[in-house]
C-alpha atoms as a PDB file:
ATOM      1  CA  MET A   1      -0.011  -0.007  -0.038  1.00  0.00           C
ATOM      2  CA  PRO A   2       1.853   3.301  -0.801  1.00  0.00           C
ATOM      3  CA  ILE A   3       2.395   5.868   1.457  1.00  0.00           C
ATOM      4  CA  ARG A   4       0.975   9.381   1.691  1.00  0.00           C
ATOM      5  CA  VAL A   5       2.636  12.245   2.895  1.00  0.00           C
ATOM      6  CA  GLY A   6       0.600  15.411   2.302  1.00  0.00           C
ATOM      7  CA  LYS A   7       0.126  15.864  -0.985  1.00  0.00           C
ATOM      8  CA  VAL A   8       3.293  13.705  -1.975  1.00  0.00           C
ATOM      9  CA  VAL A   9       2.507   9.345  -2.755  1.00  0.00           C
ATOM     10  CA  ILE A  10       5.163   7.052  -2.162  1.00  0.00           C
ATOM     11  CA  PRO A  11       4.811   4.168  -4.303  1.00  0.00           C
ATOM     12  CA  ASP A  12       5.374   0.585  -3.016  1.00  0.00           C
ATOM     13  CA  SER A  13       8.182   0.164  -5.860  1.00  0.00           C
ATOM     14  CA  ASP A  14      10.315   3.072  -3.827  1.00  0.00           C
ATOM     15  CA  LEU A  15       9.866   0.651  -0.728  1.00  0.00           C
ATOM     16  CA  SER A  16      11.097  -2.866   0.460  1.00  0.00           C
ATOM     17  CA  VAL A  17      10.463  -4.130   3.392  1.00  0.00           C
ATOM     18  CA  ALA A  18      12.291  -6.976   5.337  1.00  0.00           C
ATOM     19  CA  PHE A  19      11.780  -8.764   8.489  1.00  0.00           C
ATOM     20  CA  ILE A  20      14.829  -9.766  10.813  1.00  0.00           C
ATOM     21  CA  ARG A  21      14.847 -11.438  14.120  1.00  0.00           C
ATOM     22  CA  ALA A  22      14.865  -8.531  16.869  1.00  0.00           C
ATOM     23  CA  GLY A  23      17.365  -8.756  19.726  1.00  0.00           C
ATOM     24  CA  GLY A  24      16.410  -8.126  23.595  1.00  0.00           C
ATOM     25  CA  PRO A  25      14.179  -9.536  25.874  1.00  0.00           C
ATOM     26  CA  GLY A  26      11.377 -11.772  24.711  1.00  0.00           C
ATOM     27  CA  GLY A  27      12.048 -15.587  25.762  1.00  0.00           C
ATOM     28  CA  GLN A  28      11.854 -17.893  23.198  1.00  0.00           C
ATOM     29  CA  ASN A  29       9.505 -15.413  20.726  1.00  0.00           C
ATOM     30  CA  VAL A  30      12.314 -13.867  19.797  1.00  0.00           C
ATOM     31  CA  ASN A  31      14.301 -16.644  18.536  1.00  0.00           C
ATOM     32  CA  LYS A  32      11.667 -18.092  16.534  1.00  0.00           C
ATOM     33  CA  VAL A  33      10.048 -15.159  15.226  1.00  0.00           C
ATOM     34  CA  ALA A  34      11.431 -12.519  12.984  1.00  0.00           C
ATOM     35  CA  SER A  35       9.416  -9.318  14.204  1.00  0.00           C
ATOM     36  CA  ALA A  36      11.858  -6.400  13.329  1.00  0.00           C
ATOM     37  CA  VAL A  37      11.454  -4.666  10.068  1.00  0.00           C
ATOM     38  CA  GLN A  38      14.092  -3.162   8.079  1.00  0.00           C
ATOM     39  CA  LEU A  39      12.202  -0.622   5.902  1.00  0.00           C
ATOM     40  CA  ARG A  40      14.294   0.684   2.774  1.00  0.00           C
ATOM     41  CA  PHE A  41      13.346   3.969   0.742  1.00  0.00           C
ATOM     42  CA  ASP A  42      15.095   4.198  -2.560  1.00  0.00           C
ATOM     43  CA  LEU A  43      15.917   7.700  -2.992  1.00  0.00           C
ATOM     44  CA  THR A  44      17.527   7.725  -6.628  1.00  0.00           C
ATOM     45  CA  GLY A  45      15.116   5.791  -7.901  1.00  0.00           C
ATOM     46  CA  THR A  46      12.218   7.721  -6.630  1.00  0.00           C
ATOM     47  CA  ARG A  47      10.133  10.145  -8.453  1.00  0.00           C
ATOM     48  CA  ALA A  48       7.930  11.268  -5.493  1.00  0.00           C
ATOM     49  CA  LEU A  49      10.219  13.762  -4.084  1.00  0.00           C
ATOM     50  CA  GLY A  50      12.182  16.661  -6.168  1.00  0.00           C
ATOM     51  CA  GLU A  51      15.517  17.016  -5.996  1.00  0.00           C
ATOM     52  CA  ALA A  52      15.800  19.731  -3.225  1.00  0.00           C
ATOM     53  CA  ALA A  53      13.609  17.382  -0.999  1.00  0.00           C
ATOM     54  CA  LYS A  54      15.965  14.329  -1.715  1.00  0.00           C
ATOM     55  CA  THR A  55      18.914  16.666  -0.749  1.00  0.00           C
ATOM     56  CA  ARG A  56      17.164  17.858   2.395  1.00  0.00           C
ATOM     57  CA  LEU A  57      16.036  13.887   3.157  1.00  0.00           C
ATOM     58  CA  ARG A  58      19.628  13.245   2.908  1.00  0.00           C
ATOM     59  CA  THR A  59      20.702  15.645   5.199  1.00  0.00           C
ATOM     60  CA  LEU A  60      17.726  14.758   8.014  1.00  0.00           C
ATOM     61  CA  ALA A  61      18.421  10.979   7.488  1.00  0.00           C
ATOM     62  CA  GLY A  62      22.252  11.135   8.594  1.00  0.00           C
ATOM     63  CA  ARG A  63      23.616   7.566   9.735  1.00  0.00           C
ATOM     64  CA  ARG A  64      20.222   6.034   8.354  1.00  0.00           C
ATOM     65  CA  LEU A  65      21.382   6.999   4.616  1.00  0.00           C
ATOM     66  CA  THR A  66      23.020   3.799   3.085  1.00  0.00           C
ATOM     67  CA  ASP A  67      25.865   3.559   0.396  1.00  0.00           C
ATOM     68  CA  GLU A  68      23.568   2.900  -2.008  1.00  0.00           C
ATOM     69  CA  ASP A  69      21.487   6.105  -1.301  1.00  0.00           C
ATOM     70  CA  ALA A  70      18.410   4.625   0.384  1.00  0.00           C
ATOM     71  CA  VAL A  71      17.211   5.501   3.549  1.00  0.00           C
ATOM     72  CA  LEU A  72      17.201   2.112   6.194  1.00  0.00           C
ATOM     73  CA  ILE A  73      14.818   2.579   8.774  1.00  0.00           C
ATOM     74  CA  ILE A  74      14.671  -0.291  11.591  1.00  0.00           C
ATOM     75  CA  ALA A  75      11.953  -0.735  13.906  1.00  0.00           C
ATOM     76  CA  ARG A  76      12.164  -3.473  16.753  1.00  0.00           C
ATOM     77  CA  GLU A  77       9.860  -1.716  19.612  1.00  0.00           C
ATOM     78  CA  HIS A  78       6.937  -3.801  19.434  1.00  0.00           C
ATOM     79  CA  ARG A  79       6.406  -7.934  19.400  1.00  0.00           C
ATOM     80  CA  SER A  80       4.374  -7.800  15.992  1.00  0.00           C
ATOM     81  CA  GLN A  81       5.318  -7.747  12.509  1.00  0.00           C
ATOM     82  CA  GLU A  82       2.412  -5.316  11.751  1.00  0.00           C
ATOM     83  CA  GLN A  83       3.310  -2.917  14.375  1.00  0.00           C
ATOM     84  CA  ASN A  84       6.816  -2.412  13.692  1.00  0.00           C
ATOM     85  CA  ARG A  85       6.142  -1.927  10.066  1.00  0.00           C
ATOM     86  CA  ASN A  86       3.733   0.836  11.207  1.00  0.00           C
ATOM     87  CA  ALA A  87       5.986   2.206  13.111  1.00  0.00           C
ATOM     88  CA  ALA A  88       8.681   2.082  10.623  1.00  0.00           C
ATOM     89  CA  GLU A  89       6.195   3.744   7.938  1.00  0.00           C
ATOM     90  CA  ALA A  90       5.465   6.556  10.720  1.00  0.00           C
ATOM     91  CA  ARG A  91       9.025   7.348  10.917  1.00  0.00           C
ATOM     92  CA  LEU A  92       9.472   7.498   7.293  1.00  0.00           C
ATOM     93  CA  VAL A  93       6.552   9.779   7.058  1.00  0.00           C
ATOM     94  CA  MET A  94       7.700  12.133   9.904  1.00  0.00           C
ATOM     95  CA  LEU A  95      11.398  12.103   7.526  1.00  0.00           C
ATOM     96  CA  VAL A  96       9.555  13.024   4.406  1.00  0.00           C
ATOM     97  CA  ARG A  97       7.243  15.722   6.038  1.00  0.00           C
ATOM     98  CA  ALA A  98      10.401  17.112   7.355  1.00  0.00           C
ATOM     99  CA  ALA A  99      12.181  17.239   4.067  1.00  0.00           C
ATOM    100  CA  LEU A 100       9.502  18.762   1.941  1.00  0.00           C
ATOM    101  CA  THR A 101       8.879  21.870   4.260  1.00  0.00           C
ATOM    102  CA  GLU A 102      11.440  24.228   2.995  1.00  0.00           C
ATOM    103  CA  PRO A 103      13.519  26.275   5.473  1.00  0.00           C
ATOM    104  CA  ARG A 104      12.736  29.906   5.657  1.00  0.00           C
ATOM    105  CA  PRO A 105      15.285  31.979   4.024  1.00  0.00           C
ATOM    106  CA  ARG A 106      17.539  33.985   6.766  1.00  0.00           C
ATOM    107  CA  HIS A 107      17.520  37.760   6.096  1.00  0.00           C
ATOM    108  CA  ALA A 108      20.506  39.462   7.830  1.00  0.00           C
ATOM    109  CA  THR A 109      19.522  42.352  10.506  1.00  0.00           C
ATOM    110  CA  LYS A 110      21.504  44.895  12.330  1.00  0.00           C
ATOM    111  CA  PRO A 111      21.619  45.024  16.027  1.00  0.00           C
ATOM    112  CA  THR A 112      19.434  48.021  17.451  1.00  0.00           C
ATOM    113  CA  CYS A 113      20.752  51.100  19.299  1.00  0.00           C
ATOM    114  CA  ALA A 114      19.474  49.964  22.520  1.00  0.00           C
ATOM    115  CA  SER A 115      21.145  46.725  22.010  1.00  0.00           C
ATOM    116  CA  LYS A 116      24.221  48.248  21.261  1.00  0.00           C
ATOM    117  CA  ILE A 117      24.200  50.506  24.206  1.00  0.00           C
ATOM    118  CA  ARG A 118      23.238  47.245  26.752  1.00  0.00           C
ATOM    119  CA  ARG A 119      26.404  45.412  25.305  1.00  0.00           C
ATOM    120  CA  LEU A 120      28.787  48.725  25.411  1.00  0.00           C
ATOM    121  CA  GLU A 121      27.187  48.979  29.367  1.00  0.00           C
ATOM    122  CA  GLY A 122      27.826  45.417  30.239  1.00  0.00           C
ATOM    123  CA  LYS A 123      31.657  45.452  29.125  1.00  0.00           C
ATOM    124  CA  THR A 124      32.276  48.628  31.049  1.00  0.00           C
ATOM    125  CA  ARG A 125      30.682  46.770  34.173  1.00  0.00           C
ATOM    126  CA  ARG A 126      32.655  43.884  33.707  1.00  0.00           C
ATOM    127  CA  GLY A 127      35.858  46.026  33.420  1.00  0.00           C
ATOM    128  CA  SER A 128      35.197  47.631  36.364  1.00  0.00           C
ATOM    129  CA  ILE A 129      34.958  44.373  38.293  1.00  0.00           C
ATOM    130  CA  LYS A 130      38.011  43.181  36.806  1.00  0.00           C
ATOM    131  CA  ARG A 131      39.787  46.307  37.767  1.00  0.00           C
ATOM    132  CA  GLN A 132      38.621  46.300  41.348  1.00  0.00           C
ATOM    133  CA  ARG A 133      40.201  42.702  41.654  1.00  0.00           C
ATOM    134  CA  GLY A 134      43.663  44.226  42.012  1.00  0.00           C
ATOM    135  CA  ARG A 135      45.898  45.002  44.781  1.00  0.00           C
ATOM    136  CA  ILE A 136      44.878  47.305  47.493  1.00  0.00           C
ATOM    137  CA  GLN A 137      47.279  50.054  47.569  1.00  0.00           C
ATOM    138  CA  GLY A 138      48.068  51.025  51.235  1.00  0.00           C
ATOM    139  CA  ASP A 139      49.737  53.794  52.767  1.00  0.00           C
ATOM    140  CA  ASP A 140      53.107  52.351  53.927  1.00  0.00           C
END
């Protein structure tokens, strides 16, 4: 079933799902059942995202980005395959949603006159504190 992120639809052909054994506590169930999910999203082959969104997704993915330019999400927090698959898809949706929002351009601003005055007053106050730390001059 394709994944929807707002107006963007990620087709199943861009995703691959593999089930692996999950480690950790769980008794005999953990040794017999492959309940953990590896969800791969192929970035180079997808047409669902534009180049700018792909670039942002690469930076957002971080260590989840493989050498084959695919986003790899591993979910193993639940005991059932279906819940882990839903968790992995939810994480992919959050990543793609964050990549689709374009960052607002930063406009350079100048400090206000009042902030300049506050900064200089703080510097003179600090300087006078340091000046008073010196040796006390006595009448010898």
